[in-house]
Amino acid sequence: MQEKGVPVLIFSAGLADIIEEVLKQKVHRSFKNVRVVSNRMVFDENGHLQSFKGKTIHVLNKNEHALDMAAPLHDHCDDVKGLGDEKYALKKRTNVLLLGDHIGDLGMSNGLDYETRISVGFLNDRVEDSLECYRKAFDILYLNDASMHGVLKLATHLCSTESD
């Protein structure tokens, strides 16, 4: 996706510091096209947690704050800590591949001007109780802590068929 100039935004109600560390340890490199929009911890000089930076995101409000928190990406495309290149600008994107593990995550693309959205759901808890609702809500559904192999295959296919 980096080679094709596709921005990857990870919106999470978790901790950005943890997400970034897991990516660093599992992937062993960084990507210019990946940005984590999540709760960020602030530490003092002794390494003790002091506070959280910005608005706190939780499962009930991450949809309403997602675009606000991603806004710096629009303004800092040439920033080294941003996405680093104009080709990653979000404003020009008309396709969305949205992944979520909650029905409410489908609202994360609200406010984006897109032509096509493919939604991928991950149903891990109370599968039998929620299966029908998730099947209706998501275009693709994975159950029981499924791996990301299917999503990677889909993204690879989409990038290989995308016209430049």
N, C-alpha and C. Protein backbone atom coordinates (compact mmCIF):
# COMPACT_ATOMS: atom_id res chain seq x y z
N MET A 1 0.82 -1.19 0.00
CA MET A 1 0.00 0.00 0.00
C MET A 1 0.87 1.26 0.00
N GLN A 2 2.02 1.16 0.66
CA GLN A 2 2.93 2.30 0.64
C GLN A 2 3.43 2.58 -0.77
N GLU A 3 3.76 1.54 -1.50
CA GLU A 3 4.24 1.71 -2.87
C GLU A 3 3.20 2.36 -3.77
N LYS A 4 1.92 2.10 -3.51
CA LYS A 4 0.83 2.67 -4.32
C LYS A 4 0.37 4.03 -3.79
N GLY A 5 0.96 4.50 -2.69
CA GLY A 5 0.58 5.79 -2.14
C GLY A 5 -0.75 5.78 -1.41
N VAL A 6 -1.11 4.65 -0.85
CA VAL A 6 -2.39 4.52 -0.16
C VAL A 6 -2.18 4.80 1.33
N PRO A 7 -2.89 5.82 1.86
CA PRO A 7 -2.74 6.10 3.30
C PRO A 7 -3.48 5.04 4.12
N VAL A 8 -2.89 4.67 5.24
CA VAL A 8 -3.49 3.73 6.17
C VAL A 8 -3.66 4.45 7.50
N LEU A 9 -4.90 4.58 7.93
CA LEU A 9 -5.21 5.22 9.21
C LEU A 9 -5.71 4.15 10.16
N ILE A 10 -5.11 4.09 11.32
CA ILE A 10 -5.56 3.17 12.35
C ILE A 10 -6.25 4.00 13.42
N PHE A 11 -7.59 3.94 13.46
CA PHE A 11 -8.37 4.61 14.49
C PHE A 11 -8.63 3.59 15.58
N SER A 12 -8.34 3.94 16.82
CA SER A 12 -8.54 2.99 17.90
C SER A 12 -8.88 3.70 19.19
N ALA A 13 -9.71 3.05 20.00
CA ALA A 13 -9.99 3.54 21.34
C ALA A 13 -8.92 3.05 22.31
N GLY A 14 -7.92 2.36 21.79
CA GLY A 14 -6.82 1.87 22.62
C GLY A 14 -5.75 2.92 22.81
N LEU A 15 -4.53 2.48 22.97
CA LEU A 15 -3.40 3.37 23.24
C LEU A 15 -2.45 3.39 22.04
N ALA A 16 -2.25 4.57 21.48
CA ALA A 16 -1.38 4.73 20.32
C ALA A 16 0.01 4.21 20.60
N ASP A 17 0.51 4.48 21.80
CA ASP A 17 1.87 4.06 22.16
C ASP A 17 2.01 2.54 22.07
N ILE A 18 0.99 1.82 22.52
CA ILE A 18 1.01 0.35 22.48
C ILE A 18 0.88 -0.14 21.04
N ILE A 19 -0.05 0.42 20.30
CA ILE A 19 -0.27 0.02 18.91
C ILE A 19 1.01 0.21 18.10
N GLU A 20 1.65 1.37 18.26
CA GLU A 20 2.88 1.65 17.52
C GLU A 20 4.01 0.70 17.92
N GLU A 21 4.09 0.37 19.20
CA GLU A 21 5.13 -0.56 19.65
C GLU A 21 4.90 -1.96 19.11
N VAL A 22 3.65 -2.41 19.10
CA VAL A 22 3.34 -3.74 18.54
C VAL A 22 3.70 -3.77 17.06
N LEU A 23 3.33 -2.72 16.32
CA LEU A 23 3.68 -2.66 14.90
C LEU A 23 5.19 -2.70 14.72
N LYS A 24 5.89 -1.95 15.55
CA LYS A 24 7.36 -1.89 15.46
C LYS A 24 7.98 -3.27 15.72
N GLN A 25 7.47 -3.97 16.74
CA GLN A 25 8.03 -5.28 17.09
C GLN A 25 7.64 -6.37 16.10
N LYS A 26 6.43 -6.29 15.56
CA LYS A 26 5.95 -7.34 14.66
C LYS A 26 6.41 -7.13 13.22
N VAL A 27 6.48 -5.88 12.78
CA VAL A 27 6.80 -5.60 11.39
C VAL A 27 8.27 -5.22 11.20
N HIS A 28 8.90 -4.74 12.27
CA HIS A 28 10.32 -4.40 12.27
C HIS A 28 10.69 -3.27 11.32
N ARG A 29 9.74 -2.38 11.04
CA ARG A 29 10.03 -1.20 10.23
C ARG A 29 8.87 -0.23 10.35
N SER A 30 9.08 0.97 9.89
CA SER A 30 8.00 1.96 9.90
C SER A 30 7.56 2.22 8.46
N PHE A 31 6.39 2.81 8.33
CA PHE A 31 5.84 3.10 7.02
C PHE A 31 5.40 4.56 6.97
N LYS A 32 5.72 5.24 5.88
CA LYS A 32 5.33 6.64 5.72
C LYS A 32 3.83 6.79 5.59
N ASN A 33 3.14 5.76 5.15
CA ASN A 33 1.71 5.87 4.87
C ASN A 33 0.82 5.46 6.03
N VAL A 34 1.39 5.06 7.17
CA VAL A 34 0.59 4.60 8.30
C VAL A 34 0.56 5.67 9.39
N ARG A 35 -0.65 5.98 9.85
CA ARG A 35 -0.82 6.94 10.93
C ARG A 35 -1.77 6.34 11.96
N VAL A 36 -1.40 6.40 13.22
CA VAL A 36 -2.24 5.90 14.30
C VAL A 36 -2.96 7.09 14.93
N VAL A 37 -4.28 7.03 14.93
CA VAL A 37 -5.11 8.06 15.56
C VAL A 37 -5.77 7.38 16.75
N SER A 38 -5.24 7.64 17.93
CA SER A 38 -5.67 6.93 19.11
C SER A 38 -5.29 7.74 20.34
N ASN A 39 -5.53 7.19 21.50
CA ASN A 39 -5.17 7.86 22.75
C ASN A 39 -3.66 7.80 22.92
N ARG A 40 -3.06 8.97 23.15
CA ARG A 40 -1.61 9.05 23.26
C ARG A 40 -1.24 9.46 24.69
N MET A 41 -0.33 8.69 25.27
CA MET A 41 0.10 8.95 26.64
C MET A 41 1.20 10.02 26.69
N VAL A 42 1.21 10.78 27.79
CA VAL A 42 2.23 11.78 28.03
C VAL A 42 2.98 11.38 29.31
N PHE A 43 4.30 11.25 29.19
CA PHE A 43 5.13 10.82 30.32
C PHE A 43 6.01 11.98 30.80
N ASP A 44 6.37 11.94 32.06
CA ASP A 44 7.32 12.93 32.58
C ASP A 44 8.74 12.44 32.32
N GLU A 45 9.73 13.21 32.75
CA GLU A 45 11.13 12.88 32.49
C GLU A 45 11.58 11.58 33.17
N ASN A 46 10.80 11.11 34.16
CA ASN A 46 11.12 9.85 34.84
C ASN A 46 10.38 8.66 34.24
N GLY A 47 9.63 8.91 33.18
CA GLY A 47 8.90 7.83 32.53
C GLY A 47 7.57 7.49 33.16
N HIS A 48 7.07 8.36 34.04
CA HIS A 48 5.78 8.12 34.68
C HIS A 48 4.67 8.77 33.87
N LEU A 49 3.58 8.04 33.74
CA LEU A 49 2.43 8.56 33.00
C LEU A 49 1.86 9.77 33.72
N GLN A 50 1.71 10.88 32.98
CA GLN A 50 1.17 12.11 33.56
C GLN A 50 -0.26 12.39 33.10
N SER A 51 -0.52 12.12 31.82
CA SER A 51 -1.84 12.45 31.28
C SER A 51 -1.97 11.80 29.90
N PHE A 52 -3.07 12.15 29.27
CA PHE A 52 -3.28 11.75 27.88
C PHE A 52 -3.36 13.01 27.04
N LYS A 53 -2.85 12.95 25.83
CA LYS A 53 -2.80 14.10 24.95
C LYS A 53 -4.09 14.18 24.13
N GLY A 54 -4.67 15.36 24.05
CA GLY A 54 -5.84 15.58 23.20
C GLY A 54 -7.10 14.96 23.75
N LYS A 55 -8.06 14.79 22.86
CA LYS A 55 -9.35 14.22 23.22
C LYS A 55 -9.19 12.72 23.48
N THR A 56 -9.87 12.23 24.51
CA THR A 56 -9.85 10.81 24.80
C THR A 56 -10.86 10.12 23.90
N ILE A 57 -10.40 9.06 23.24
CA ILE A 57 -11.27 8.28 22.37
C ILE A 57 -11.68 7.02 23.11
N HIS A 58 -12.98 6.73 23.10
CA HIS A 58 -13.46 5.46 23.64
C HIS A 58 -14.48 4.89 22.66
N VAL A 59 -14.93 3.69 22.91
CA VAL A 59 -15.77 2.98 21.94
C VAL A 59 -17.04 3.74 21.60
N LEU A 60 -17.53 4.57 22.51
CA LEU A 60 -18.78 5.28 22.26
C LEU A 60 -18.60 6.62 21.55
N ASN A 61 -17.36 7.13 21.47
CA ASN A 61 -17.18 8.42 20.82
C ASN A 61 -16.14 8.44 19.72
N LYS A 62 -15.51 7.31 19.43
CA LYS A 62 -14.42 7.35 18.46
C LYS A 62 -14.92 7.75 17.08
N ASN A 63 -16.16 7.45 16.74
CA ASN A 63 -16.68 7.85 15.44
C ASN A 63 -16.79 9.36 15.33
N GLU A 64 -17.28 10.02 16.37
CA GLU A 64 -17.50 11.46 16.28
C GLU A 64 -16.20 12.25 16.26
N HIS A 65 -15.12 11.69 16.79
CA HIS A 65 -13.84 12.41 16.84
C HIS A 65 -12.84 11.95 15.79
N ALA A 66 -13.14 10.90 15.06
CA ALA A 66 -12.16 10.32 14.15
C ALA A 66 -11.65 11.31 13.12
N LEU A 67 -12.54 11.99 12.43
CA LEU A 67 -12.11 12.92 11.39
C LEU A 67 -11.40 14.13 11.98
N ASP A 68 -11.87 14.60 13.15
CA ASP A 68 -11.19 15.72 13.80
C ASP A 68 -9.75 15.35 14.14
N MET A 69 -9.56 14.14 14.65
CA MET A 69 -8.22 13.74 15.07
C MET A 69 -7.34 13.43 13.87
N ALA A 70 -7.93 13.09 12.74
CA ALA A 70 -7.15 12.82 11.54
C ALA A 70 -6.87 14.09 10.76
N ALA A 71 -7.52 15.19 11.11
CA ALA A 71 -7.38 16.45 10.37
C ALA A 71 -5.93 16.88 10.20
N PRO A 72 -5.06 16.71 11.19
CA PRO A 72 -3.66 17.11 10.97
C PRO A 72 -3.02 16.43 9.77
N LEU A 73 -3.53 15.28 9.36
CA LEU A 73 -2.98 14.60 8.19
C LEU A 73 -3.21 15.45 6.95
N HIS A 74 -4.34 16.13 6.89
CA HIS A 74 -4.64 16.98 5.75
C HIS A 74 -3.67 18.15 5.67
N ASP A 75 -3.30 18.65 6.83
CA ASP A 75 -2.52 19.88 6.90
C ASP A 75 -1.02 19.66 6.92
N HIS A 76 -0.57 18.45 7.21
CA HIS A 76 0.87 18.21 7.39
C HIS A 76 1.40 17.12 6.48
N CYS A 77 0.96 17.09 5.25
CA CYS A 77 1.41 16.04 4.34
C CYS A 77 2.90 16.12 4.05
N ASP A 78 3.49 17.30 4.25
CA ASP A 78 4.92 17.40 4.01
C ASP A 78 5.72 17.29 5.30
N ASP A 79 5.05 17.07 6.40
CA ASP A 79 5.70 16.91 7.70
C ASP A 79 6.34 15.53 7.76
N VAL A 80 7.58 15.46 8.23
CA VAL A 80 8.28 14.17 8.33
C VAL A 80 7.52 13.21 9.23
N LYS A 81 6.90 13.71 10.30
CA LYS A 81 6.16 12.83 11.19
C LYS A 81 4.74 12.59 10.67
N GLY A 82 4.32 13.32 9.66
CA GLY A 82 3.02 13.10 9.05
C GLY A 82 3.15 11.96 8.06
N LEU A 83 2.41 11.99 7.01
CA LEU A 83 2.50 10.91 6.04
C LEU A 83 3.60 11.14 5.04
N GLY A 84 4.26 12.32 5.11
CA GLY A 84 5.51 12.50 4.40
C GLY A 84 5.43 12.78 2.92
N ASP A 85 4.28 12.74 2.31
CA ASP A 85 4.23 12.91 0.88
C ASP A 85 2.81 13.29 0.47
N GLU A 86 2.70 14.22 -0.45
CA GLU A 86 1.39 14.68 -0.91
C GLU A 86 0.55 13.52 -1.46
N LYS A 87 1.19 12.49 -1.98
CA LYS A 87 0.41 11.39 -2.55
C LYS A 87 -0.42 10.65 -1.52
N TYR A 88 -0.15 10.87 -0.22
CA TYR A 88 -0.92 10.21 0.83
C TYR A 88 -2.09 11.06 1.31
N ALA A 89 -2.32 12.23 0.73
CA ALA A 89 -3.38 13.12 1.19
C ALA A 89 -4.73 12.41 1.16
N LEU A 90 -5.50 12.60 2.23
CA LEU A 90 -6.79 11.92 2.35
C LEU A 90 -7.88 12.58 1.52
N LYS A 91 -7.80 13.87 1.31
CA LYS A 91 -8.87 14.60 0.64
C LYS A 91 -9.15 14.05 -0.75
N LYS A 92 -8.15 13.52 -1.42
CA LYS A 92 -8.29 13.10 -2.81
C LYS A 92 -8.74 11.65 -2.94
N ARG A 93 -8.89 10.94 -1.86
CA ARG A 93 -9.22 9.52 -1.90
C ARG A 93 -10.71 9.32 -2.08
N THR A 94 -11.08 8.40 -2.97
CA THR A 94 -12.50 8.15 -3.22
C THR A 94 -12.90 6.72 -2.84
N ASN A 95 -11.97 5.94 -2.33
CA ASN A 95 -12.26 4.57 -1.92
C ASN A 95 -11.83 4.37 -0.48
N VAL A 96 -12.62 3.59 0.26
CA VAL A 96 -12.34 3.33 1.66
C VAL A 96 -12.41 1.83 1.91
N LEU A 97 -11.41 1.30 2.56
CA LEU A 97 -11.44 -0.06 3.08
C LEU A 97 -11.50 0.09 4.59
N LEU A 98 -12.66 -0.17 5.17
CA LEU A 98 -12.91 0.09 6.58
C LEU A 98 -12.94 -1.23 7.34
N LEU A 99 -12.15 -1.34 8.39
CA LEU A 99 -12.12 -2.52 9.23
C LEU A 99 -12.61 -2.16 10.61
N GLY A 100 -13.43 -3.01 11.20
CA GLY A 100 -13.92 -2.74 12.54
C GLY A 100 -14.40 -3.98 13.25
N ASP A 101 -14.43 -3.90 14.57
CA ASP A 101 -14.93 -5.03 15.35
C ASP A 101 -16.19 -4.65 16.13
N HIS A 102 -16.81 -3.54 15.73
CA HIS A 102 -18.02 -3.06 16.37
C HIS A 102 -18.90 -2.43 15.29
N ILE A 103 -20.20 -2.63 15.37
CA ILE A 103 -21.11 -2.06 14.38
C ILE A 103 -20.91 -0.54 14.29
N GLY A 104 -20.66 0.10 15.40
CA GLY A 104 -20.45 1.54 15.43
C GLY A 104 -19.25 1.99 14.62
N ASP A 105 -18.30 1.10 14.37
CA ASP A 105 -17.11 1.45 13.59
C ASP A 105 -17.46 1.80 12.15
N LEU A 106 -18.61 1.35 11.67
CA LEU A 106 -19.02 1.66 10.30
C LEU A 106 -19.18 3.17 10.09
N GLY A 107 -19.44 3.90 11.16
CA GLY A 107 -19.59 5.35 11.07
C GLY A 107 -18.28 6.09 10.94
N MET A 108 -17.16 5.39 11.03
CA MET A 108 -15.85 6.04 10.95
C MET A 108 -15.63 6.71 9.59
N SER A 109 -16.32 6.26 8.57
CA SER A 109 -16.14 6.87 7.25
C SER A 109 -17.14 7.99 6.99
N ASN A 110 -18.03 8.24 7.95
CA ASN A 110 -18.98 9.35 7.79
C ASN A 110 -18.20 10.65 7.66
N GLY A 111 -18.58 11.46 6.72
CA GLY A 111 -17.91 12.73 6.52
C GLY A 111 -16.83 12.68 5.45
N LEU A 112 -16.43 11.47 5.04
CA LEU A 112 -15.48 11.35 3.94
C LEU A 112 -16.26 11.34 2.63
N ASP A 113 -15.70 11.94 1.62
CA ASP A 113 -16.34 11.97 0.31
C ASP A 113 -15.77 10.81 -0.51
N TYR A 114 -16.42 9.64 -0.42
CA TYR A 114 -15.92 8.47 -1.13
C TYR A 114 -16.97 7.95 -2.11
N GLU A 115 -16.49 7.23 -3.11
CA GLU A 115 -17.37 6.60 -4.09
C GLU A 115 -17.66 5.16 -3.70
N THR A 116 -16.65 4.47 -3.17
CA THR A 116 -16.77 3.06 -2.84
C THR A 116 -16.21 2.80 -1.45
N ARG A 117 -16.95 2.03 -0.67
CA ARG A 117 -16.47 1.61 0.65
C ARG A 117 -16.69 0.11 0.77
N ILE A 118 -15.63 -0.58 1.14
CA ILE A 118 -15.73 -2.00 1.47
C ILE A 118 -15.51 -2.09 2.98
N SER A 119 -16.49 -2.66 3.67
CA SER A 119 -16.38 -2.78 5.12
C SER A 119 -16.08 -4.23 5.50
N VAL A 120 -15.11 -4.39 6.38
CA VAL A 120 -14.69 -5.70 6.86
C VAL A 120 -14.91 -5.73 8.36
N GLY A 121 -15.73 -6.67 8.81
CA GLY A 121 -16.02 -6.79 10.23
C GLY A 121 -15.33 -7.98 10.86
N PHE A 122 -15.01 -7.80 12.13
CA PHE A 122 -14.42 -8.87 12.93
C PHE A 122 -15.33 -9.09 14.13
N LEU A 123 -15.97 -10.24 14.18
CA LEU A 123 -16.88 -10.57 15.28
C LEU A 123 -16.20 -11.62 16.14
N ASN A 124 -15.88 -11.22 17.36
CA ASN A 124 -15.10 -12.08 18.24
C ASN A 124 -15.84 -12.52 19.50
N ASP A 125 -16.79 -11.73 19.95
CA ASP A 125 -17.52 -12.04 21.18
C ASP A 125 -19.00 -12.24 20.88
N ARG A 126 -19.63 -13.13 21.65
CA ARG A 126 -21.07 -13.40 21.49
C ARG A 126 -21.42 -13.59 20.01
N VAL A 127 -20.66 -14.42 19.35
CA VAL A 127 -20.79 -14.63 17.91
C VAL A 127 -22.21 -15.05 17.53
N GLU A 128 -22.76 -16.02 18.21
CA GLU A 128 -24.10 -16.51 17.85
C GLU A 128 -25.15 -15.42 18.01
N ASP A 129 -25.03 -14.62 19.05
CA ASP A 129 -26.01 -13.56 19.30
C ASP A 129 -25.94 -12.43 18.28
N SER A 130 -24.76 -12.13 17.77
CA SER A 130 -24.56 -10.96 16.91
C SER A 130 -24.36 -11.29 15.44
N LEU A 131 -24.27 -12.56 15.10
CA LEU A 131 -23.90 -12.96 13.75
C LEU A 131 -24.78 -12.34 12.67
N GLU A 132 -26.08 -12.43 12.80
CA GLU A 132 -26.98 -11.93 11.76
C GLU A 132 -26.85 -10.42 11.59
N CYS A 133 -26.76 -9.70 12.67
CA CYS A 133 -26.62 -8.24 12.62
C CYS A 133 -25.31 -7.84 11.93
N TYR A 134 -24.22 -8.50 12.26
CA TYR A 134 -22.92 -8.20 11.66
C TYR A 134 -22.90 -8.58 10.18
N ARG A 135 -23.54 -9.69 9.83
CA ARG A 135 -23.60 -10.10 8.42
C ARG A 135 -24.30 -9.06 7.57
N LYS A 136 -25.36 -8.46 8.10
CA LYS A 136 -26.10 -7.44 7.37
C LYS A 136 -25.31 -6.13 7.30
N ALA A 137 -24.53 -5.83 8.32
CA ALA A 137 -23.85 -4.54 8.42
C ALA A 137 -22.55 -4.48 7.60
N PHE A 138 -21.77 -5.55 7.61
CA PHE A 138 -20.46 -5.55 6.97
C PHE A 138 -20.50 -6.27 5.63
N ASP A 139 -19.67 -5.82 4.70
CA ASP A 139 -19.56 -6.50 3.40
C ASP A 139 -18.86 -7.84 3.53
N ILE A 140 -17.86 -7.89 4.38
CA ILE A 140 -17.07 -9.11 4.62
C ILE A 140 -17.01 -9.29 6.13
N LEU A 141 -17.13 -10.51 6.60
CA LEU A 141 -17.13 -10.76 8.04
C LEU A 141 -16.20 -11.92 8.38
N TYR A 142 -15.33 -11.69 9.37
CA TYR A 142 -14.45 -12.72 9.90
C TYR A 142 -14.85 -12.98 11.35
N LEU A 143 -14.78 -14.25 11.74
CA LEU A 143 -15.23 -14.65 13.07
C LEU A 143 -14.09 -15.15 13.94
N ASN A 144 -14.29 -15.01 15.25
CA ASN A 144 -13.46 -15.66 16.26
C ASN A 144 -11.96 -15.36 16.14
N ASP A 145 -11.61 -14.10 16.25
CA ASP A 145 -10.20 -13.68 16.22
C ASP A 145 -9.47 -14.18 14.98
N ALA A 146 -10.10 -14.05 13.84
CA ALA A 146 -9.51 -14.47 12.57
C ALA A 146 -8.23 -13.67 12.30
N SER A 147 -7.35 -14.26 11.53
CA SER A 147 -6.11 -13.57 11.17
C SER A 147 -6.41 -12.47 10.16
N MET A 148 -5.42 -11.68 9.86
CA MET A 148 -5.55 -10.59 8.90
C MET A 148 -5.21 -11.05 7.48
N HIS A 149 -4.97 -12.32 7.27
CA HIS A 149 -4.58 -12.81 5.95
C HIS A 149 -5.59 -12.46 4.86
N GLY A 150 -6.88 -12.61 5.16
CA GLY A 150 -7.90 -12.28 4.18
C GLY A 150 -7.90 -10.80 3.82
N VAL A 151 -7.71 -9.95 4.82
CA VAL A 151 -7.67 -8.51 4.57
C VAL A 151 -6.42 -8.15 3.76
N LEU A 152 -5.30 -8.75 4.10
CA LEU A 152 -4.07 -8.50 3.33
C LEU A 152 -4.22 -8.95 1.89
N LYS A 153 -4.85 -10.08 1.69
CA LYS A 153 -5.08 -10.57 0.32
C LYS A 153 -5.99 -9.61 -0.44
N LEU A 154 -7.04 -9.12 0.21
CA LEU A 154 -7.95 -8.17 -0.42
C LEU A 154 -7.22 -6.86 -0.76
N ALA A 155 -6.46 -6.32 0.19
CA ALA A 155 -5.73 -5.07 -0.05
C ALA A 155 -4.72 -5.24 -1.18
N THR A 156 -4.04 -6.38 -1.21
CA THR A 156 -3.08 -6.65 -2.28
C THR A 156 -3.78 -6.69 -3.63
N HIS A 157 -4.92 -7.36 -3.66
CA HIS A 157 -5.67 -7.43 -4.92
C HIS A 157 -6.15 -6.04 -5.35
N LEU A 158 -6.68 -5.27 -4.43
CA LEU A 158 -7.18 -3.93 -4.75
C LEU A 158 -6.03 -3.03 -5.26
N CYS A 159 -4.87 -3.13 -4.64
CA CYS A 159 -3.73 -2.32 -5.06
C CYS A 159 -3.19 -2.77 -6.42
N SER A 160 -3.29 -4.06 -6.71
CA SER A 160 -2.76 -4.55 -7.98
C SER A 160 -3.70 -4.22 -9.14
N THR A 161 -4.99 -4.01 -8.85
CA THR A 161 -5.94 -3.70 -9.91
C THR A 161 -6.22 -2.20 -10.03
N GLU A 162 -5.71 -1.42 -9.07
CA GLU A 162 -5.93 0.03 -9.07
C GLU A 162 -5.14 0.69 -10.21
N SER A 163 -5.78 1.57 -10.91
CA SER A 163 -5.05 2.30 -11.94
C SER A 163 -4.31 3.45 -11.29
N ASP A 164 -3.11 3.72 -11.76
CA ASP A 164 -2.27 4.77 -11.17
C ASP A 164 -2.66 6.13 -11.68
